């Protein structure tokens, strides 16, 4: 049986539209919260607080930095807004550039120097990349900090060291339980 397009009375159509709108209004908050929750399998892995020293690899140079070693560097404090905690957080630590300088990474210009990048790794395997220009103060206004305290207290579950960037709008490239920094050079493109 085929129905004509106008076979339903107008009152029935209005009731159906009202019911659909009501269902939309009632389910919208749940849909919106699902958009802000992490997708299954995409959560940042929970790891026990790392007490491992920070290992820095730069060329043929390798450094192992303990909490006591880090205390010997000049410290800087930065305040950043963490959108996940919805709060301002004050971190104290050492500029990554100061640590790289100790590992003999020179603050230099040129195409080879500019093709360097930094890989930071947490004890849970979380890895992020920074271009060398993002960590050298001569080339970038933001700070990349190897923090050892937050709001005047040890980092707790975030381990001994946490990598923080003052210029990132979201903390996706912050690395808690930081255990490794590696300075790499882009390979020449194949022709």
C-alpha atoms as a PDB file:
ATOM      1  CA  UNK A   1       0.000   0.000   0.000  1.00  0.00           C
ATOM      2  CA  UNK A   2       1.389   3.364  -0.985  1.00  0.00           C
ATOM      3  CA  UNK A   3       0.659   6.430   1.179  1.00  0.00           C
ATOM      4  CA  UNK A   4       0.372   9.896  -0.193  1.00  0.00           C
ATOM      5  CA  UNK A   5       2.893  12.432   1.115  1.00  0.00           C
ATOM      6  CA  UNK A   6       0.177  14.395   2.931  1.00  0.00           C
ATOM      7  CA  UNK A   7      -1.687  11.387   4.314  1.00  0.00           C
ATOM      8  CA  UNK A   8      -0.879  12.055   8.017  1.00  0.00           C
ATOM      9  CA  UNK A   9      -3.010  14.697   9.700  1.00  0.00           C
ATOM     10  CA  UNK A  10      -1.074  17.904  10.608  1.00  0.00           C
ATOM     11  CA  UNK A  11      -1.596  17.299  14.348  1.00  0.00           C
ATOM     12  CA  UNK A  12       0.092  13.895  14.108  1.00  0.00           C
ATOM     13  CA  UNK A  13       3.066  15.404  12.235  1.00  0.00           C
ATOM     14  CA  UNK A  14       3.427  18.147  14.852  1.00  0.00           C
ATOM     15  CA  UNK A  15       3.359  15.542  17.647  1.00  0.00           C
ATOM     16  CA  UNK A  16       6.023  13.468  15.889  1.00  0.00           C
ATOM     17  CA  UNK A  17       8.271  16.530  15.417  1.00  0.00           C
ATOM     18  CA  UNK A  18       7.797  17.533  19.067  1.00  0.00           C
ATOM     19  CA  UNK A  19       8.681  13.996  20.192  1.00  0.00           C
ATOM     20  CA  UNK A  20      11.847  13.991  18.061  1.00  0.00           C
ATOM     21  CA  UNK A  21      12.887  17.403  19.426  1.00  0.00           C
ATOM     22  CA  UNK A  22      12.287  16.224  22.985  1.00  0.00           C
ATOM     23  CA  UNK A  23      14.422  13.120  22.377  1.00  0.00           C
ATOM     24  CA  UNK A  24      17.179  15.299  20.928  1.00  0.00           C
ATOM     25  CA  UNK A  25      17.125  17.679  23.901  1.00  0.00           C
ATOM     26  CA  UNK A  26      17.217  14.777  26.371  1.00  0.00           C
ATOM     27  CA  UNK A  27      20.096  12.932  24.676  1.00  0.00           C
ATOM     28  CA  UNK A  28      22.235  15.975  23.775  1.00  0.00           C
ATOM     29  CA  UNK A  29      23.966  16.324  27.183  1.00  0.00           C
ATOM     30  CA  UNK A  30      25.075  12.679  27.100  1.00  0.00           C
ATOM     31  CA  UNK A  31      26.331  13.068  23.537  1.00  0.00           C
ATOM     32  CA  UNK A  32      28.238  16.232  24.452  1.00  0.00           C
ATOM     33  CA  UNK A  33      29.956  14.612  27.448  1.00  0.00           C
ATOM     34  CA  UNK A  34      30.940  11.649  25.291  1.00  0.00           C
ATOM     35  CA  UNK A  35      32.745  14.077  22.988  1.00  0.00           C
ATOM     36  CA  UNK A  36      34.942  15.360  25.827  1.00  0.00           C
ATOM     37  CA  UNK A  37      35.723  11.952  27.343  1.00  0.00           C
ATOM     38  CA  UNK A  38      38.766  10.083  26.006  1.00  0.00           C
ATOM     39  CA  UNK A  39      38.036   7.429  23.435  1.00  0.00           C
ATOM     40  CA  UNK A  40      38.536   3.867  24.701  1.00  0.00           C
ATOM     41  CA  UNK A  41      42.164   2.881  24.222  1.00  0.00           C
ATOM     42  CA  UNK A  42      43.267   6.521  23.799  1.00  0.00           C
ATOM     43  CA  UNK A  43      43.683   7.339  27.502  1.00  0.00           C
ATOM     44  CA  UNK A  44      47.161   8.276  28.686  1.00  0.00           C
ATOM     45  CA  UNK A  45      48.445   5.134  30.360  1.00  0.00           C
ATOM     46  CA  UNK A  46      48.705   5.267  34.138  1.00  0.00           C
ATOM     47  CA  UNK A  47      52.184   4.447  35.301  1.00  0.00           C
ATOM     48  CA  UNK A  48      53.777   4.273  38.716  1.00  0.00           C
ATOM     49  CA  UNK A  49      55.854   7.324  39.507  1.00  0.00           C
ATOM     50  CA  UNK A  50      59.258   6.831  37.937  1.00  0.00           C
ATOM     51  CA  UNK A  51      62.365   7.218  40.082  1.00  0.00           C
ATOM     52  CA  UNK A  52      64.692   6.511  37.161  1.00  0.00           C
ATOM     53  CA  UNK A  53      67.286   9.122  36.247  1.00  0.00           C
ATOM     54  CA  UNK A  54      66.740  11.171  33.106  1.00  0.00           C
ATOM     55  CA  UNK A  55      68.882   9.886  30.236  1.00  0.00           C
ATOM     56  CA  UNK A  56      69.891  12.428  27.585  1.00  0.00           C
ATOM     57  CA  UNK A  57      71.271  11.205  24.236  1.00  0.00           C
ATOM     58  CA  UNK A  58      72.802  13.784  21.877  1.00  0.00           C
ATOM     59  CA  UNK A  59      75.026  12.505  19.095  1.00  0.00           C
ATOM     60  CA  UNK A  60      77.715  10.378  20.740  1.00  0.00           C
ATOM     61  CA  UNK A  61      77.134  12.030  24.141  1.00  0.00           C
ATOM     62  CA  UNK A  62      74.959  10.390  26.826  1.00  0.00           C
ATOM     63  CA  UNK A  63      74.142  11.952  30.189  1.00  0.00           C
ATOM     64  CA  UNK A  64      72.357  10.473  33.158  1.00  0.00           C
ATOM     65  CA  UNK A  65      70.708  13.146  35.309  1.00  0.00           C
ATOM     66  CA  UNK A  66      69.452  12.403  38.818  1.00  0.00           C
ATOM     67  CA  UNK A  67      67.298  14.646  41.015  1.00  0.00           C
ATOM     68  CA  UNK A  68      70.500  15.764  42.794  1.00  0.00           C
ATOM     69  CA  UNK A  69      72.112  16.608  39.435  1.00  0.00           C
ATOM     70  CA  UNK A  70      69.063  18.622  38.356  1.00  0.00           C
ATOM     71  CA  UNK A  71      69.198  20.588  41.614  1.00  0.00           C
ATOM     72  CA  UNK A  72      72.631  21.857  40.514  1.00  0.00           C
ATOM     73  CA  UNK A  73      71.185  23.567  37.416  1.00  0.00           C
ATOM     74  CA  UNK A  74      69.656  27.056  37.484  1.00  0.00           C
ATOM     75  CA  UNK A  75      65.906  26.706  38.055  1.00  0.00           C
ATOM     76  CA  UNK A  76      63.069  28.629  36.472  1.00  0.00           C
ATOM     77  CA  UNK A  77      59.404  28.754  37.452  1.00  0.00           C
ATOM     78  CA  UNK A  78      56.634  29.019  34.871  1.00  0.00           C
ATOM     79  CA  UNK A  79      52.877  29.136  35.293  1.00  0.00           C
ATOM     80  CA  UNK A  80      50.731  27.425  32.683  1.00  0.00           C
ATOM     81  CA  UNK A  81      47.029  26.715  32.342  1.00  0.00           C
ATOM     82  CA  UNK A  82      46.216  23.012  32.183  1.00  0.00           C
ATOM     83  CA  UNK A  83      42.935  22.585  30.295  1.00  0.00           C
ATOM     84  CA  UNK A  84      42.576  19.022  31.611  1.00  0.00           C
ATOM     85  CA  UNK A  85      42.602  20.090  35.266  1.00  0.00           C
ATOM     86  CA  UNK A  86      41.028  23.466  34.401  1.00  0.00           C
ATOM     87  CA  UNK A  87      43.583  25.168  36.662  1.00  0.00           C
ATOM     88  CA  UNK A  88      46.753  27.228  36.522  1.00  0.00           C
ATOM     89  CA  UNK A  89      49.775  25.176  37.563  1.00  0.00           C
ATOM     90  CA  UNK A  90      53.164  26.537  38.591  1.00  0.00           C
ATOM     91  CA  UNK A  91      56.127  24.352  37.635  1.00  0.00           C
ATOM     92  CA  UNK A  92      59.743  24.758  38.711  1.00  0.00           C
ATOM     93  CA  UNK A  93      62.569  23.079  36.876  1.00  0.00           C
ATOM     94  CA  UNK A  94      65.395  23.446  34.399  1.00  0.00           C
ATOM     95  CA  UNK A  95      65.114  24.709  30.846  1.00  0.00           C
ATOM     96  CA  UNK A  96      65.596  21.827  28.433  1.00  0.00           C
ATOM     97  CA  UNK A  97      68.044  24.039  26.532  1.00  0.00           C
ATOM     98  CA  UNK A  98      70.325  24.173  29.625  1.00  0.00           C
ATOM     99  CA  UNK A  99      70.339  20.376  29.844  1.00  0.00           C
ATOM    100  CA  UNK A 100      71.036  20.074  26.101  1.00  0.00           C
ATOM    101  CA  UNK A 101      73.908  22.558  26.451  1.00  0.00           C
ATOM    102  CA  UNK A 102      75.427  20.282  29.119  1.00  0.00           C
ATOM    103  CA  UNK A 103      75.102  17.442  26.570  1.00  0.00           C
ATOM    104  CA  UNK A 104      77.122  19.552  24.087  1.00  0.00           C
ATOM    105  CA  UNK A 105      74.153  20.506  21.865  1.00  0.00           C
ATOM    106  CA  UNK A 106      75.174  23.840  20.426  1.00  0.00           C
ATOM    107  CA  UNK A 107      72.771  26.743  19.984  1.00  0.00           C
ATOM    108  CA  UNK A 108      73.708  27.278  16.340  1.00  0.00           C
ATOM    109  CA  UNK A 109      72.113  28.207  13.051  1.00  0.00           C
ATOM    110  CA  UNK A 110      72.281  26.625   9.610  1.00  0.00           C
ATOM    111  CA  UNK A 111      70.296  24.019   7.736  1.00  0.00           C
ATOM    112  CA  UNK A 112      71.921  21.034   9.468  1.00  0.00           C
ATOM    113  CA  UNK A 113      71.442  22.574  12.910  1.00  0.00           C
ATOM    114  CA  UNK A 114      67.828  23.464  12.115  1.00  0.00           C
ATOM    115  CA  UNK A 115      67.041  19.895  11.036  1.00  0.00           C
ATOM    116  CA  UNK A 116      67.536  18.600  14.586  1.00  0.00           C
ATOM    117  CA  UNK A 117      64.605  17.506  16.735  1.00  0.00           C
ATOM    118  CA  UNK A 118      64.052  16.238  20.265  1.00  0.00           C
ATOM    119  CA  UNK A 119      62.153  13.078  21.266  1.00  0.00           C
ATOM    120  CA  UNK A 120      60.966  13.030  24.883  1.00  0.00           C
ATOM    121  CA  UNK A 121      59.823   9.699  26.344  1.00  0.00           C
ATOM    122  CA  UNK A 122      57.967   8.833  29.546  1.00  0.00           C
ATOM    123  CA  UNK A 123      58.316   5.602  31.515  1.00  0.00           C
ATOM    124  CA  UNK A 124      54.949   4.472  30.078  1.00  0.00           C
ATOM    125  CA  UNK A 125      56.281   4.757  26.504  1.00  0.00           C
ATOM    126  CA  UNK A 126      54.471   8.041  25.760  1.00  0.00           C
ATOM    127  CA  UNK A 127      56.620   9.972  23.259  1.00  0.00           C
ATOM    128  CA  UNK A 128      56.499  13.495  21.873  1.00  0.00           C
ATOM    129  CA  UNK A 129      58.594  15.497  19.424  1.00  0.00           C
ATOM    130  CA  UNK A 130      59.856  19.086  19.549  1.00  0.00           C
ATOM    131  CA  UNK A 131      61.812  20.792  16.805  1.00  0.00           C
ATOM    132  CA  UNK A 132      65.135  22.122  18.080  1.00  0.00           C
ATOM    133  CA  UNK A 133      63.882  25.655  17.418  1.00  0.00           C
ATOM    134  CA  UNK A 134      61.133  25.161  20.026  1.00  0.00           C
ATOM    135  CA  UNK A 135      63.627  24.464  22.815  1.00  0.00           C
ATOM    136  CA  UNK A 136      66.356  27.032  22.119  1.00  0.00           C
ATOM    137  CA  UNK A 137      65.614  30.421  23.744  1.00  0.00           C
ATOM    138  CA  UNK A 138      67.503  32.292  21.008  1.00  0.00           C
ATOM    139  CA  UNK A 139      64.951  30.998  18.474  1.00  0.00           C
ATOM    140  CA  UNK A 140      61.690  30.690  20.446  1.00  0.00           C
ATOM    141  CA  UNK A 141      59.899  32.765  23.053  1.00  0.00           C
ATOM    142  CA  UNK A 142      58.309  29.843  24.908  1.00  0.00           C
ATOM    143  CA  UNK A 143      59.933  27.642  27.527  1.00  0.00           C
ATOM    144  CA  UNK A 144      60.321  23.870  27.472  1.00  0.00           C
ATOM    145  CA  UNK A 145      61.014  22.915  31.052  1.00  0.00           C
ATOM    146  CA  UNK A 146      62.142  19.704  32.730  1.00  0.00           C
ATOM    147  CA  UNK A 147      60.111  20.238  35.890  1.00  0.00           C
ATOM    148  CA  UNK A 148      60.869  18.674  39.257  1.00  0.00           C
ATOM    149  CA  UNK A 149      58.047  20.316  41.236  1.00  0.00           C
ATOM    150  CA  UNK A 150      54.517  21.648  40.788  1.00  0.00           C
ATOM    151  CA  UNK A 151      53.007  24.317  43.008  1.00  0.00           C
ATOM    152  CA  UNK A 152      56.031  24.032  45.320  1.00  0.00           C
ATOM    153  CA  UNK A 153      55.651  20.269  45.883  1.00  0.00           C
ATOM    154  CA  UNK A 154      57.246  17.157  44.339  1.00  0.00           C
ATOM    155  CA  UNK A 155      55.478  15.887  41.225  1.00  0.00           C
ATOM    156  CA  UNK A 156      54.068  12.801  42.994  1.00  0.00           C
ATOM    157  CA  UNK A 157      52.395  10.419  40.521  1.00  0.00           C
ATOM    158  CA  UNK A 158      53.993  12.359  37.641  1.00  0.00           C
ATOM    159  CA  UNK A 159      57.432  10.993  38.648  1.00  0.00           C
ATOM    160  CA  UNK A 160      60.697  12.777  39.333  1.00  0.00           C
ATOM    161  CA  UNK A 161      60.649  14.724  36.076  1.00  0.00           C
ATOM    162  CA  UNK A 162      57.911  16.123  33.852  1.00  0.00           C
ATOM    163  CA  UNK A 163      58.394  17.917  30.540  1.00  0.00           C
ATOM    164  CA  UNK A 164      56.263  21.075  30.234  1.00  0.00           C
ATOM    165  CA  UNK A 165      55.857  23.506  27.326  1.00  0.00           C
ATOM    166  CA  UNK A 166      54.671  27.021  28.118  1.00  0.00           C
ATOM    167  CA  UNK A 167      53.510  27.735  24.570  1.00  0.00           C
ATOM    168  CA  UNK A 168      51.282  24.733  23.833  1.00  0.00           C
ATOM    169  CA  UNK A 169      47.575  25.498  24.232  1.00  0.00           C
ATOM    170  CA  UNK A 170      46.889  21.938  25.399  1.00  0.00           C
ATOM    171  CA  UNK A 171      49.226  19.687  27.399  1.00  0.00           C
ATOM    172  CA  UNK A 172      49.451  16.950  24.762  1.00  0.00           C
ATOM    173  CA  UNK A 173      53.220  17.327  24.508  1.00  0.00           C
ATOM    174  CA  UNK A 174      53.785  17.361  28.258  1.00  0.00           C
ATOM    175  CA  UNK A 175      55.489  14.158  29.358  1.00  0.00           C
ATOM    176  CA  UNK A 176      55.073  12.918  32.911  1.00  0.00           C
ATOM    177  CA  UNK A 177      57.490  10.333  34.306  1.00  0.00           C
ATOM    178  CA  UNK A 178      60.074  11.682  31.847  1.00  0.00           C
ATOM    179  CA  UNK A 179      62.945   9.195  31.504  1.00  0.00           C
ATOM    180  CA  UNK A 180      64.595   9.972  28.164  1.00  0.00           C
ATOM    181  CA  UNK A 181      65.506  12.911  25.926  1.00  0.00           C
ATOM    182  CA  UNK A 182      67.049  12.191  22.538  1.00  0.00           C
ATOM    183  CA  UNK A 183      68.365  14.769  20.075  1.00  0.00           C
ATOM    184  CA  UNK A 184      68.113  13.491  16.501  1.00  0.00           C
ATOM    185  CA  UNK A 185      69.010  14.764  13.051  1.00  0.00           C
ATOM    186  CA  UNK A 186      66.668  14.440  10.085  1.00  0.00           C
ATOM    187  CA  UNK A 187      68.112  12.175   7.443  1.00  0.00           C
ATOM    188  CA  UNK A 188      68.723  13.478   3.963  1.00  0.00           C
ATOM    189  CA  UNK A 189      65.719  12.976   1.664  1.00  0.00           C
ATOM    190  CA  UNK A 190      66.098  10.186  -0.848  1.00  0.00           C
ATOM    191  CA  UNK A 191      66.285  11.359  -4.436  1.00  0.00           C
END
